[in-house]
């Protein structure tokens, strides 16, 4: 059966619809480029080799073309690694917003336990080993340099090969609860010292309370040498 040819009006309408559909389609390249530029900026300075993967924009989208698509992170606090979403918005000539999925891999060396470590063990160089992999797949506080772990206590037992994390380690105590300590305060041209008894344990940089011989309790900061500097 041979269909009837389209009337002049119908043919023109069909052509206009096809043209409008073609005009309405947002090219994918500018959108993906905006997302990539944002991620490259956010990952600048990351250690190791950074690889960025972005899900493509649907080539069959019906978004009106945008003169200047701008990318953003839905949550400004999001760290640009691992899997996350990237938003791209248009302000002109028609406002719209879409979201693309992104994945950032950061291949670098990181620290693992070279052998089983027991709780409260002090880490030495022989207890550490470097491995190479995607640190974006590790916890955020994974340690990358031996200087970040050497000389610190292990809070809990760690199996061989376990990644070292900052939260799993503790700096050895500089001041122990009940011990006799020297406390001091200083200014531009003076230094006054006294002795007292520590009321709590503290690592260097942590706050410690000290009871002086006259029973006055002062608060200060524990230093590496075991002394306490009185806070102003």
N, C-alpha and C. Protein backbone atom coordinates (compact mmCIF):
# COMPACT_ATOMS: atom_id res chain seq x y z
N UNK A 1 0.85 -1.19 0.00
CA UNK A 1 0.00 0.00 0.00
C UNK A 1 0.88 1.23 0.00
N UNK A 2 0.60 2.16 -0.87
CA UNK A 2 1.41 3.37 -0.98
C UNK A 2 0.71 4.47 -0.21
N UNK A 3 1.43 5.02 0.76
CA UNK A 3 0.85 6.07 1.57
C UNK A 3 0.74 7.36 0.79
N UNK A 4 -0.17 8.21 1.25
CA UNK A 4 -0.33 9.48 0.60
C UNK A 4 0.83 10.40 0.96
N UNK A 5 1.28 11.18 0.03
CA UNK A 5 2.37 12.10 0.34
C UNK A 5 1.91 13.13 1.37
N UNK A 6 2.86 13.61 2.16
CA UNK A 6 2.52 14.60 3.16
C UNK A 6 2.07 15.88 2.51
N UNK A 7 1.11 16.50 3.14
CA UNK A 7 0.67 17.81 2.65
C UNK A 7 1.79 18.81 2.85
N UNK A 8 1.72 19.93 2.18
CA UNK A 8 2.75 20.94 2.31
C UNK A 8 2.94 21.39 3.75
N UNK A 9 1.84 21.59 4.49
CA UNK A 9 1.93 22.04 5.88
C UNK A 9 2.58 20.98 6.76
N UNK A 10 2.15 19.70 6.55
CA UNK A 10 2.70 18.62 7.36
C UNK A 10 4.19 18.44 7.09
N UNK A 11 4.58 18.56 5.83
CA UNK A 11 6.00 18.40 5.49
C UNK A 11 6.83 19.48 6.12
N UNK A 12 6.33 20.72 6.07
CA UNK A 12 7.07 21.83 6.69
C UNK A 12 7.16 21.64 8.20
N UNK A 13 6.06 21.19 8.81
CA UNK A 13 6.05 20.95 10.25
C UNK A 13 7.07 19.89 10.64
N UNK A 14 7.13 18.81 9.83
CA UNK A 14 8.08 17.75 10.12
C UNK A 14 9.50 18.26 10.02
N UNK A 15 9.76 19.08 9.00
CA UNK A 15 11.10 19.63 8.84
C UNK A 15 11.47 20.55 9.99
N UNK A 16 10.51 21.39 10.40
CA UNK A 16 10.76 22.29 11.52
C UNK A 16 11.00 21.52 12.80
N UNK A 17 10.23 20.44 13.02
CA UNK A 17 10.41 19.62 14.22
C UNK A 17 11.79 18.99 14.24
N UNK A 18 12.20 18.45 13.08
CA UNK A 18 13.53 17.83 13.00
C UNK A 18 14.62 18.85 13.24
N UNK A 19 14.45 20.05 12.66
CA UNK A 19 15.45 21.09 12.85
C UNK A 19 15.51 21.53 14.31
N UNK A 20 14.33 21.68 14.91
CA UNK A 20 14.29 22.09 16.32
C UNK A 20 14.93 21.05 17.22
N UNK A 21 14.69 19.77 16.88
CA UNK A 21 15.28 18.69 17.67
C UNK A 21 16.79 18.73 17.58
N UNK A 22 17.29 18.99 16.35
CA UNK A 22 18.74 19.04 16.17
C UNK A 22 19.33 20.22 16.92
N UNK A 23 18.64 21.37 16.85
CA UNK A 23 19.13 22.56 17.53
C UNK A 23 19.10 22.37 19.04
N UNK A 24 18.12 21.65 19.55
CA UNK A 24 17.93 21.51 20.99
C UNK A 24 18.97 20.59 21.64
N UNK A 25 19.73 19.90 20.86
CA UNK A 25 20.64 18.90 21.43
C UNK A 25 21.95 19.52 21.85
N UNK A 26 22.29 19.39 23.16
CA UNK A 26 23.55 19.91 23.70
C UNK A 26 24.70 18.99 23.32
N UNK A 27 25.72 19.49 22.65
CA UNK A 27 26.89 18.65 22.36
C UNK A 27 27.53 18.18 23.67
N UNK A 28 28.02 16.94 23.67
CA UNK A 28 28.56 16.37 24.90
C UNK A 28 29.96 16.91 25.24
N UNK A 29 30.75 17.24 24.22
CA UNK A 29 32.15 17.62 24.45
C UNK A 29 32.31 18.80 25.41
N UNK A 30 31.59 19.93 25.24
CA UNK A 30 31.77 21.06 26.16
C UNK A 30 31.39 20.73 27.59
N UNK A 31 30.37 19.91 27.76
CA UNK A 31 29.92 19.53 29.11
C UNK A 31 30.98 18.68 29.80
N UNK A 32 31.46 17.68 29.09
CA UNK A 32 32.48 16.80 29.67
C UNK A 32 33.78 17.56 29.90
N UNK A 33 34.10 18.50 29.01
CA UNK A 33 35.33 19.29 29.18
C UNK A 33 35.25 20.16 30.43
N UNK A 34 34.08 20.73 30.69
CA UNK A 34 33.91 21.56 31.89
C UNK A 34 34.08 20.72 33.15
N UNK A 35 33.51 19.51 33.15
CA UNK A 35 33.65 18.63 34.30
C UNK A 35 35.10 18.22 34.51
N UNK A 36 35.79 17.90 33.42
CA UNK A 36 37.19 17.48 33.52
C UNK A 36 38.07 18.62 34.02
N UNK A 37 37.82 19.83 33.53
CA UNK A 37 38.63 20.98 33.96
C UNK A 37 38.49 21.22 35.45
N UNK A 38 37.26 21.07 35.97
CA UNK A 38 37.05 21.24 37.41
C UNK A 38 37.82 20.19 38.20
N UNK A 39 37.72 18.93 37.77
CA UNK A 39 38.40 17.86 38.50
C UNK A 39 39.91 18.02 38.43
N UNK A 40 40.42 18.42 37.28
CA UNK A 40 41.87 18.64 37.16
C UNK A 40 42.33 19.73 38.13
N UNK A 41 41.52 20.76 38.29
CA UNK A 41 41.87 21.82 39.23
C UNK A 41 41.84 21.30 40.66
N UNK A 42 40.83 20.49 40.99
CA UNK A 42 40.69 19.99 42.35
C UNK A 42 41.77 18.95 42.69
N UNK A 43 42.31 18.26 41.69
CA UNK A 43 43.30 17.22 41.95
C UNK A 43 44.73 17.72 41.77
N UNK A 44 44.88 19.00 41.45
CA UNK A 44 46.23 19.55 41.29
C UNK A 44 47.00 19.43 42.59
N UNK A 45 48.18 18.87 42.54
CA UNK A 45 48.99 18.70 43.74
C UNK A 45 48.80 17.37 44.44
N UNK A 46 47.87 16.54 43.96
CA UNK A 46 47.72 15.22 44.55
C UNK A 46 49.01 14.41 44.32
N UNK A 47 49.39 13.56 45.27
CA UNK A 47 50.59 12.74 45.08
C UNK A 47 50.33 11.64 44.05
N UNK A 48 51.38 11.23 43.34
CA UNK A 48 51.25 10.08 42.43
C UNK A 48 50.63 10.42 41.09
N UNK A 49 50.17 9.37 40.41
CA UNK A 49 49.61 9.48 39.07
C UNK A 49 48.09 9.55 39.15
N UNK A 50 47.53 10.64 38.62
CA UNK A 50 46.08 10.87 38.70
C UNK A 50 45.42 10.48 37.38
N UNK A 51 44.39 9.63 37.46
CA UNK A 51 43.61 9.23 36.28
C UNK A 51 42.16 9.65 36.50
N UNK A 52 41.59 10.34 35.52
CA UNK A 52 40.22 10.85 35.64
C UNK A 52 39.32 10.15 34.63
N UNK A 53 38.23 9.59 35.11
CA UNK A 53 37.22 8.97 34.24
C UNK A 53 35.88 9.68 34.46
N UNK A 54 35.24 10.09 33.37
CA UNK A 54 33.95 10.79 33.46
C UNK A 54 32.93 10.09 32.58
N UNK A 55 31.76 9.82 33.14
CA UNK A 55 30.70 9.20 32.34
C UNK A 55 30.26 10.18 31.26
N UNK A 56 30.07 9.71 30.03
CA UNK A 56 29.72 10.62 28.94
C UNK A 56 28.28 11.12 29.06
N UNK A 57 28.07 12.32 28.54
CA UNK A 57 26.72 12.85 28.44
C UNK A 57 25.97 12.09 27.37
N UNK A 58 24.71 11.78 27.64
CA UNK A 58 23.88 11.05 26.68
C UNK A 58 23.84 11.83 25.35
N UNK A 59 24.35 11.24 24.28
CA UNK A 59 24.34 11.95 23.00
C UNK A 59 22.94 12.24 22.49
N UNK A 60 21.93 11.55 23.02
CA UNK A 60 20.57 11.79 22.62
C UNK A 60 19.83 12.74 23.53
N UNK A 61 20.57 13.51 24.32
CA UNK A 61 19.93 14.43 25.27
C UNK A 61 19.10 15.49 24.53
N UNK A 62 18.16 16.08 25.24
CA UNK A 62 17.31 17.12 24.68
C UNK A 62 17.59 18.47 25.36
N UNK A 63 18.81 18.64 25.86
CA UNK A 63 19.14 19.89 26.53
C UNK A 63 19.40 20.98 25.49
N UNK A 64 18.89 22.17 25.70
CA UNK A 64 19.21 23.28 24.79
C UNK A 64 20.70 23.57 24.86
N UNK A 65 21.32 23.90 23.76
CA UNK A 65 22.76 24.19 23.77
C UNK A 65 23.07 25.34 24.73
N UNK A 66 24.20 25.20 25.42
CA UNK A 66 24.61 26.20 26.41
C UNK A 66 25.81 26.98 25.89
N UNK A 67 25.80 28.28 26.14
CA UNK A 67 26.91 29.11 25.67
C UNK A 67 28.15 28.92 26.52
N UNK A 68 27.99 28.61 27.82
CA UNK A 68 29.16 28.45 28.70
C UNK A 68 28.82 27.53 29.86
N UNK A 69 28.82 26.20 29.64
CA UNK A 69 28.52 25.28 30.75
C UNK A 69 29.59 25.39 31.85
N UNK A 70 29.14 25.38 33.10
CA UNK A 70 30.04 25.52 34.25
C UNK A 70 29.86 24.32 35.18
N UNK A 71 30.98 23.73 35.57
CA UNK A 71 30.93 22.54 36.44
C UNK A 71 31.04 22.94 37.90
N UNK A 72 30.51 22.10 38.78
CA UNK A 72 30.57 22.33 40.23
C UNK A 72 30.44 21.00 40.95
N UNK A 73 30.86 20.96 42.20
CA UNK A 73 30.67 19.79 43.04
C UNK A 73 29.41 20.01 43.87
N UNK A 74 28.46 19.08 43.86
CA UNK A 74 27.22 19.25 44.63
C UNK A 74 27.49 19.55 46.10
N UNK A 75 28.52 18.92 46.65
CA UNK A 75 28.95 19.20 48.02
C UNK A 75 30.35 19.77 47.96
N UNK A 76 30.53 21.07 48.25
CA UNK A 76 31.85 21.69 48.13
C UNK A 76 32.93 21.00 48.96
N UNK A 77 32.51 20.28 50.01
CA UNK A 77 33.49 19.60 50.88
C UNK A 77 33.94 18.26 50.31
N UNK A 78 33.31 17.82 49.21
CA UNK A 78 33.67 16.54 48.61
C UNK A 78 35.12 16.55 48.14
N UNK A 79 35.86 15.51 48.49
CA UNK A 79 37.23 15.38 48.01
C UNK A 79 37.19 14.74 46.63
N UNK A 80 37.89 15.35 45.70
CA UNK A 80 37.79 14.91 44.30
C UNK A 80 38.64 13.68 44.05
N UNK A 81 38.29 12.58 44.70
CA UNK A 81 38.90 11.30 44.36
C UNK A 81 37.97 10.17 44.73
N UNK A 82 38.24 9.00 44.18
CA UNK A 82 37.27 7.92 44.31
C UNK A 82 36.10 8.19 43.38
N UNK A 83 34.91 7.71 43.74
CA UNK A 83 33.71 7.90 42.92
C UNK A 83 32.87 9.03 43.50
N UNK A 84 32.44 9.94 42.65
CA UNK A 84 31.61 11.06 43.09
C UNK A 84 30.88 11.65 41.90
N UNK A 85 29.95 12.57 42.18
CA UNK A 85 29.17 13.22 41.12
C UNK A 85 29.71 14.62 40.85
N UNK A 86 29.62 15.02 39.59
CA UNK A 86 29.99 16.37 39.19
C UNK A 86 28.78 17.01 38.52
N UNK A 87 28.39 18.18 38.97
CA UNK A 87 27.28 18.89 38.36
C UNK A 87 27.77 19.82 37.27
N UNK A 88 26.97 19.98 36.24
CA UNK A 88 27.24 20.96 35.19
C UNK A 88 25.95 21.75 34.98
N UNK A 89 26.08 23.07 35.09
CA UNK A 89 24.89 23.92 34.94
C UNK A 89 25.06 24.91 33.80
N UNK A 90 23.91 25.32 33.28
CA UNK A 90 23.87 26.32 32.22
C UNK A 90 23.01 27.48 32.70
N UNK A 91 23.45 28.69 32.43
CA UNK A 91 22.68 29.88 32.80
C UNK A 91 22.03 30.53 31.59
N UNK A 92 22.62 30.33 30.41
CA UNK A 92 22.13 31.02 29.22
C UNK A 92 22.40 30.18 27.96
N UNK A 93 21.50 30.15 27.04
CA UNK A 93 20.23 30.94 26.97
C UNK A 93 19.10 30.33 27.77
N UNK A 94 19.21 29.05 28.14
CA UNK A 94 18.17 28.39 28.94
C UNK A 94 18.87 27.73 30.14
N UNK A 95 18.31 27.91 31.34
CA UNK A 95 18.93 27.35 32.53
C UNK A 95 18.63 25.86 32.65
N UNK A 96 19.67 25.07 32.89
CA UNK A 96 19.50 23.63 33.17
C UNK A 96 20.69 23.14 33.97
N UNK A 97 20.52 22.00 34.63
CA UNK A 97 21.58 21.38 35.43
C UNK A 97 21.53 19.88 35.22
N UNK A 98 22.69 19.28 35.03
CA UNK A 98 22.79 17.82 34.92
C UNK A 98 23.94 17.36 35.81
N UNK A 99 23.99 16.04 36.02
CA UNK A 99 25.05 15.46 36.86
C UNK A 99 25.72 14.30 36.11
N UNK A 100 27.03 14.30 36.15
CA UNK A 100 27.82 13.23 35.55
C UNK A 100 28.54 12.48 36.66
N UNK A 101 28.77 11.20 36.44
CA UNK A 101 29.51 10.40 37.40
C UNK A 101 31.00 10.44 37.04
N UNK A 102 31.82 10.61 38.06
CA UNK A 102 33.27 10.68 37.84
C UNK A 102 33.97 9.70 38.78
N UNK A 103 35.15 9.28 38.36
CA UNK A 103 35.99 8.44 39.20
C UNK A 103 37.44 8.88 39.02
N UNK A 104 38.10 9.14 40.14
CA UNK A 104 39.49 9.57 40.12
C UNK A 104 40.34 8.53 40.84
N UNK A 105 41.35 8.04 40.14
CA UNK A 105 42.31 7.13 40.74
C UNK A 105 43.62 7.88 40.98
N UNK A 106 44.21 7.65 42.13
CA UNK A 106 45.48 8.29 42.47
C UNK A 106 46.46 7.18 42.84
N UNK A 107 47.33 6.83 41.92
CA UNK A 107 48.27 5.73 42.15
C UNK A 107 49.54 6.30 42.75
N UNK A 108 49.86 5.83 43.97
CA UNK A 108 51.03 6.32 44.68
C UNK A 108 51.49 5.26 45.67
N UNK A 109 52.65 5.48 46.28
CA UNK A 109 53.14 4.59 47.33
C UNK A 109 52.43 4.92 48.64
N UNK A 110 52.13 3.89 49.43
CA UNK A 110 51.56 4.08 50.75
C UNK A 110 52.16 3.06 51.70
N UNK A 111 51.95 3.27 53.01
CA UNK A 111 52.59 2.44 54.02
C UNK A 111 51.68 1.30 54.47
N UNK A 112 52.29 0.13 54.66
CA UNK A 112 51.60 -1.00 55.27
C UNK A 112 52.51 -1.59 56.35
N UNK A 113 51.92 -2.39 57.22
CA UNK A 113 52.71 -3.07 58.24
C UNK A 113 53.53 -4.18 57.60
N UNK A 114 54.84 -4.14 57.78
CA UNK A 114 55.72 -5.15 57.20
C UNK A 114 55.60 -6.49 57.92
N UNK A 115 55.07 -6.47 59.12
CA UNK A 115 54.86 -7.68 59.92
C UNK A 115 53.76 -7.40 60.92
N UNK A 116 53.23 -8.40 61.60
CA UNK A 116 52.17 -8.13 62.58
C UNK A 116 52.66 -7.18 63.66
N UNK A 117 51.83 -6.21 64.02
CA UNK A 117 52.18 -5.24 65.05
C UNK A 117 51.20 -5.37 66.21
N UNK A 118 51.73 -5.37 67.42
CA UNK A 118 50.89 -5.52 68.60
C UNK A 118 50.48 -4.15 69.14
N UNK A 119 49.40 -4.11 69.89
CA UNK A 119 48.92 -2.86 70.47
C UNK A 119 49.99 -2.25 71.35
N UNK A 120 50.15 -0.92 71.25
CA UNK A 120 51.10 -0.10 72.00
C UNK A 120 52.54 -0.31 71.55
N UNK A 121 52.77 -1.11 70.55
CA UNK A 121 54.12 -1.26 70.03
C UNK A 121 54.57 0.05 69.38
N UNK A 122 55.84 0.39 69.60
CA UNK A 122 56.41 1.58 68.97
C UNK A 122 56.96 1.17 67.60
N UNK A 123 56.55 1.88 66.57
CA UNK A 123 56.91 1.51 65.20
C UNK A 123 58.32 1.96 64.87
N UNK A 124 59.09 1.04 64.31
CA UNK A 124 60.42 1.34 63.82
C UNK A 124 60.47 1.18 62.31
N UNK A 125 61.58 1.56 61.68
CA UNK A 125 61.68 1.47 60.21
C UNK A 125 61.45 0.05 59.69
N UNK A 126 61.88 -0.98 60.45
CA UNK A 126 61.73 -2.36 59.99
C UNK A 126 60.28 -2.83 60.02
N UNK A 127 59.40 -2.07 60.69
CA UNK A 127 57.99 -2.45 60.79
C UNK A 127 57.17 -1.92 59.62
N UNK A 128 57.80 -1.16 58.74
CA UNK A 128 57.07 -0.49 57.67
C UNK A 128 57.49 -1.00 56.30
N UNK A 129 56.54 -0.96 55.39
CA UNK A 129 56.80 -1.39 54.01
C UNK A 129 55.96 -0.50 53.07
N UNK A 130 56.53 -0.16 51.93
CA UNK A 130 55.79 0.63 50.95
C UNK A 130 55.12 -0.29 49.93
N UNK A 131 53.90 0.06 49.59
CA UNK A 131 53.21 -0.60 48.49
C UNK A 131 52.69 0.47 47.55
N UNK A 132 52.41 0.08 46.31
CA UNK A 132 51.92 1.04 45.33
C UNK A 132 50.52 0.64 44.89
N UNK A 133 49.63 1.59 44.87
CA UNK A 133 48.26 1.29 44.47
C UNK A 133 47.42 2.55 44.46
N UNK A 134 46.13 2.37 44.30
CA UNK A 134 45.19 3.48 44.23
C UNK A 134 44.87 3.94 45.65
N UNK A 135 45.50 5.04 46.08
CA UNK A 135 45.27 5.51 47.44
C UNK A 135 43.88 6.13 47.60
N UNK A 136 43.21 6.42 46.47
CA UNK A 136 41.83 6.92 46.55
C UNK A 136 40.89 5.83 47.06
N UNK A 137 41.31 4.58 46.97
CA UNK A 137 40.49 3.47 47.45
C UNK A 137 40.77 3.17 48.93
N UNK A 138 41.75 3.87 49.53
CA UNK A 138 42.10 3.67 50.93
C UNK A 138 41.39 4.69 51.80
N UNK A 139 41.38 4.48 53.13
CA UNK A 139 40.81 5.51 54.02
C UNK A 139 41.53 6.84 53.83
N UNK A 140 40.83 7.94 54.12
CA UNK A 140 41.38 9.27 53.90
C UNK A 140 42.64 9.54 54.70
N UNK A 141 42.80 8.87 55.85
CA UNK A 141 43.96 9.14 56.71
C UNK A 141 45.09 8.14 56.50
N UNK A 142 45.09 7.44 55.36
CA UNK A 142 46.18 6.51 55.06
C UNK A 142 47.50 7.27 55.00
N UNK A 143 48.56 6.68 55.54
CA UNK A 143 49.86 7.34 55.61
C UNK A 143 50.72 6.96 54.40
N UNK A 144 51.43 7.94 53.88
CA UNK A 144 52.23 7.73 52.67
C UNK A 144 53.72 7.76 52.92
N UNK A 145 54.14 8.37 54.02
CA UNK A 145 55.57 8.57 54.29
C UNK A 145 55.95 7.96 55.63
N UNK A 146 57.12 7.33 55.68
CA UNK A 146 57.56 6.65 56.91
C UNK A 146 57.69 7.61 58.08
N UNK A 147 58.03 8.87 57.80
CA UNK A 147 58.19 9.84 58.89
C UNK A 147 56.88 10.09 59.63
N UNK A 148 55.76 9.75 59.00
CA UNK A 148 54.45 9.95 59.64
C UNK A 148 54.13 8.84 60.64
N UNK A 149 54.90 7.76 60.61
CA UNK A 149 54.59 6.61 61.46
C UNK A 149 55.72 6.22 62.41
N UNK A 150 56.95 6.41 62.01
CA UNK A 150 58.09 5.98 62.82
C UNK A 150 58.10 6.68 64.18
N UNK A 151 58.26 5.86 65.23
CA UNK A 151 58.31 6.39 66.58
C UNK A 151 56.97 6.56 67.26
N UNK A 152 55.90 6.19 66.59
CA UNK A 152 54.58 6.33 67.17
C UNK A 152 54.06 4.99 67.68
N UNK A 153 53.14 5.03 68.65
CA UNK A 153 52.52 3.83 69.21
C UNK A 153 51.40 3.34 68.31
N UNK A 154 51.22 2.02 68.24
CA UNK A 154 50.06 1.42 67.57
C UNK A 154 48.92 1.34 68.58
N UNK A 155 47.78 1.88 68.25
CA UNK A 155 46.64 1.87 69.18
C UNK A 155 46.04 0.48 69.32
N UNK A 156 46.05 -0.31 68.25
CA UNK A 156 45.48 -1.65 68.27
C UNK A 156 46.34 -2.55 67.40
N UNK A 157 46.21 -3.85 67.59
CA UNK A 157 47.01 -4.79 66.82
C UNK A 157 46.71 -4.67 65.33
N UNK A 158 47.75 -4.76 64.51
CA UNK A 158 47.59 -4.68 63.06
C UNK A 158 48.20 -5.91 62.40
N UNK A 159 47.49 -6.44 61.42
CA UNK A 159 47.99 -7.61 60.69
C UNK A 159 49.04 -7.18 59.66
N UNK A 160 49.87 -8.11 59.29
CA UNK A 160 50.86 -7.83 58.25
C UNK A 160 50.15 -7.42 56.96
N UNK A 161 50.63 -6.37 56.35
CA UNK A 161 50.03 -5.88 55.11
C UNK A 161 48.91 -4.88 55.31
N UNK A 162 48.51 -4.62 56.56
CA UNK A 162 47.43 -3.66 56.82
C UNK A 162 47.93 -2.24 56.54
N UNK A 163 47.15 -1.44 55.82
CA UNK A 163 47.55 -0.04 55.58
C UNK A 163 47.66 0.73 56.89
N UNK A 164 48.66 1.57 57.01
CA UNK A 164 48.82 2.40 58.20
C UNK A 164 47.93 3.63 58.08
N UNK A 165 47.16 3.91 59.13
CA UNK A 165 46.26 5.06 59.16
C UNK A 165 46.59 5.93 60.36
N UNK A 166 46.42 7.23 60.20
CA UNK A 166 46.75 8.17 61.27
C UNK A 166 45.95 7.86 62.54
N UNK A 167 44.68 7.50 62.39
CA UNK A 167 43.84 7.26 63.56
C UNK A 167 44.25 6.01 64.33
N UNK A 168 45.04 5.14 63.71
CA UNK A 168 45.47 3.91 64.37
C UNK A 168 46.77 4.08 65.14
N UNK A 169 47.37 5.26 65.04
CA UNK A 169 48.66 5.51 65.69
C UNK A 169 48.53 6.65 66.70
N UNK A 170 49.44 6.64 67.65
CA UNK A 170 49.45 7.69 68.67
C UNK A 170 50.88 8.07 68.98
N UNK A 171 51.11 9.35 69.14
CA UNK A 171 52.44 9.82 69.53
C UNK A 171 52.71 9.41 70.97
N UNK A 172 53.90 8.88 71.30
CA UNK A 172 54.20 8.48 72.68
C UNK A 172 53.99 9.64 73.65
N UNK A 173 53.58 9.29 74.86
CA UNK A 173 53.31 10.32 75.87
C UNK A 173 54.60 11.03 76.27
N UNK A 174 54.53 12.36 76.31
CA UNK A 174 55.66 13.14 76.81
C UNK A 174 55.51 13.35 78.31
N UNK A 175 54.26 13.36 78.78
CA UNK A 175 53.96 13.54 80.20
C UNK A 175 53.02 12.43 80.63
N UNK A 176 53.33 11.78 81.74
CA UNK A 176 52.48 10.70 82.24
C UNK A 176 51.75 11.16 83.49
N UNK A 177 50.49 10.75 83.60
CA UNK A 177 49.69 11.13 84.77
C UNK A 177 50.38 10.72 86.06
N UNK A 178 50.43 11.65 87.02
CA UNK A 178 51.03 11.38 88.32
C UNK A 178 52.52 11.67 88.39
N UNK A 179 53.15 11.93 87.26
CA UNK A 179 54.59 12.17 87.27
C UNK A 179 54.90 13.62 87.66
N UNK A 180 56.11 13.82 88.15
CA UNK A 180 56.57 15.15 88.51
C UNK A 180 57.08 15.85 87.25
N UNK A 181 56.62 17.05 87.02
CA UNK A 181 57.00 17.74 85.79
C UNK A 181 57.43 19.18 86.10
N UNK A 182 58.22 19.72 85.21
CA UNK A 182 58.60 21.14 85.28
C UNK A 182 57.64 21.95 84.43
N UNK A 183 57.07 22.97 85.05
CA UNK A 183 56.17 23.85 84.31
C UNK A 183 56.84 25.22 84.22
N UNK A 184 56.58 25.93 83.12
CA UNK A 184 57.20 27.25 82.97
C UNK A 184 56.31 28.15 82.12
N UNK A 185 56.51 29.42 82.30
CA UNK A 185 55.90 30.42 81.44
C UNK A 185 57.01 31.37 81.03
N UNK A 186 56.84 32.01 79.89
CA UNK A 186 57.91 32.88 79.41
C UNK A 186 57.33 34.05 78.64
N UNK A 187 58.13 35.09 78.57
CA UNK A 187 57.80 36.27 77.79
C UNK A 187 59.01 36.68 76.99
N UNK A 188 59.02 37.92 76.55
CA UNK A 188 60.13 38.38 75.71
C UNK A 188 61.45 38.42 76.48
N UNK A 189 61.41 38.73 77.77
CA UNK A 189 62.66 38.90 78.50
C UNK A 189 62.67 38.13 79.82
N UNK A 190 61.78 37.14 79.96
CA UNK A 190 61.78 36.39 81.22
C UNK A 190 61.31 34.95 81.01
N UNK A 191 61.63 34.12 81.98
CA UNK A 191 61.15 32.75 82.02
C UNK A 191 61.00 32.37 83.48
N UNK A 192 59.81 31.93 83.88
CA UNK A 192 59.52 31.53 85.25
C UNK A 192 59.16 30.06 85.25
N UNK A 193 59.82 29.28 86.12
CA UNK A 193 59.56 27.84 86.16
C UNK A 193 59.19 27.39 87.56
N UNK A 194 58.55 26.24 87.63
CA UNK A 194 58.13 25.64 88.89
C UNK A 194 57.99 24.15 88.65
N UNK A 195 57.70 23.41 89.69
CA UNK A 195 57.46 21.98 89.52
C UNK A 195 56.06 21.67 90.00
N UNK A 196 55.51 20.58 89.49
CA UNK A 196 54.18 20.17 89.89
C UNK A 196 53.93 18.72 89.53
N UNK A 197 52.71 18.28 89.74
CA UNK A 197 52.32 16.89 89.48
C UNK A 197 51.29 16.87 88.35
N UNK A 198 51.57 16.08 87.29
CA UNK A 198 50.66 16.01 86.15
C UNK A 198 49.37 15.29 86.54
N UNK A 199 48.25 15.88 86.17
CA UNK A 199 46.94 15.30 86.48
C UNK A 199 46.41 14.44 85.34
N UNK A 200 47.08 14.46 84.18
CA UNK A 200 46.68 13.60 83.06
C UNK A 200 47.89 13.36 82.18
N UNK A 201 47.81 12.31 81.39
CA UNK A 201 48.87 12.02 80.43
C UNK A 201 48.65 12.82 79.17
N UNK A 202 49.75 13.13 78.47
CA UNK A 202 49.61 13.93 77.25
C UNK A 202 50.80 13.69 76.33
N UNK A 203 50.52 13.64 75.04
CA UNK A 203 51.57 13.58 74.03
C UNK A 203 52.02 15.00 73.72
N UNK A 204 53.17 15.15 73.05
CA UNK A 204 53.61 16.50 72.70
C UNK A 204 52.53 17.26 71.94
N UNK A 205 52.28 18.49 72.38
CA UNK A 205 51.27 19.33 71.75
C UNK A 205 49.90 19.22 72.38
N UNK A 206 49.69 18.22 73.22
CA UNK A 206 48.39 18.05 73.87
C UNK A 206 48.33 18.83 75.18
N UNK A 207 47.10 19.06 75.64
CA UNK A 207 46.89 19.84 76.87
C UNK A 207 47.09 18.96 78.10
N UNK A 208 47.74 19.51 79.11
CA UNK A 208 47.95 18.79 80.36
C UNK A 208 47.67 19.73 81.53
N UNK A 209 47.04 19.21 82.56
CA UNK A 209 46.77 19.97 83.78
C UNK A 209 47.78 19.56 84.84
N UNK A 210 48.29 20.55 85.55
CA UNK A 210 49.35 20.30 86.54
C UNK A 210 48.97 20.96 87.87
N UNK A 211 49.11 20.18 88.96
CA UNK A 211 48.86 20.73 90.29
C UNK A 211 50.20 21.19 90.88
N UNK A 212 50.27 22.46 91.26
CA UNK A 212 51.48 23.02 91.84
C UNK A 212 51.54 22.74 93.34
N UNK A 213 52.70 22.95 93.98
CA UNK A 213 52.82 22.68 95.42
C UNK A 213 51.81 23.43 96.29
N UNK A 214 51.34 24.59 95.84
CA UNK A 214 50.35 25.35 96.62
C UNK A 214 48.91 24.91 96.31
N UNK A 215 48.78 23.76 95.59
CA UNK A 215 47.49 23.17 95.19
C UNK A 215 46.80 23.92 94.05
N UNK A 216 47.40 24.95 93.53
CA UNK A 216 46.84 25.62 92.37
C UNK A 216 46.98 24.70 91.16
N UNK A 217 45.94 24.62 90.33
CA UNK A 217 45.97 23.80 89.13
C UNK A 217 46.10 24.72 87.92
N UNK A 218 47.13 24.46 87.11
CA UNK A 218 47.35 25.26 85.91
C UNK A 218 47.24 24.36 84.68
N UNK A 219 47.00 24.97 83.56
CA UNK A 219 46.86 24.23 82.30
C UNK A 219 47.95 24.67 81.35
N UNK A 220 48.57 23.70 80.69
CA UNK A 220 49.64 24.01 79.75
C UNK A 220 49.69 23.02 78.61
N UNK A 221 50.76 23.13 77.83
CA UNK A 221 50.97 22.27 76.67
C UNK A 221 52.19 21.40 76.89
N UNK A 222 52.04 20.10 76.71
CA UNK A 222 53.17 19.17 76.87
C UNK A 222 54.16 19.35 75.73
N UNK A 223 55.45 19.41 76.06
CA UNK A 223 56.49 19.52 75.06
C UNK A 223 57.23 18.20 74.92
N UNK A 224 58.03 18.06 73.85
CA UNK A 224 58.72 16.80 73.58
C UNK A 224 59.66 16.39 74.72
N UNK A 225 60.23 17.36 75.42
CA UNK A 225 61.19 17.02 76.48
C UNK A 225 60.53 16.72 77.82
N UNK A 226 59.21 16.66 77.85
CA UNK A 226 58.50 16.33 79.08
C UNK A 226 58.15 17.51 79.95
N UNK A 227 58.55 18.72 79.58
CA UNK A 227 58.17 19.90 80.33
C UNK A 227 56.81 20.39 79.86
N UNK A 228 56.24 21.32 80.62
CA UNK A 228 54.92 21.85 80.30
C UNK A 228 54.99 23.36 80.25
N UNK A 229 54.59 23.92 79.11
CA UNK A 229 54.55 25.37 78.97
C UNK A 229 53.14 25.85 79.31
N UNK A 230 53.09 26.78 80.28
CA UNK A 230 51.79 27.28 80.75
C UNK A 230 51.14 28.12 79.65
N UNK A 231 49.88 27.81 79.39
CA UNK A 231 49.15 28.59 78.38
C UNK A 231 48.83 29.97 78.93
N UNK A 232 48.96 31.01 78.09
CA UNK A 232 48.66 32.37 78.56
C UNK A 232 47.18 32.53 78.86
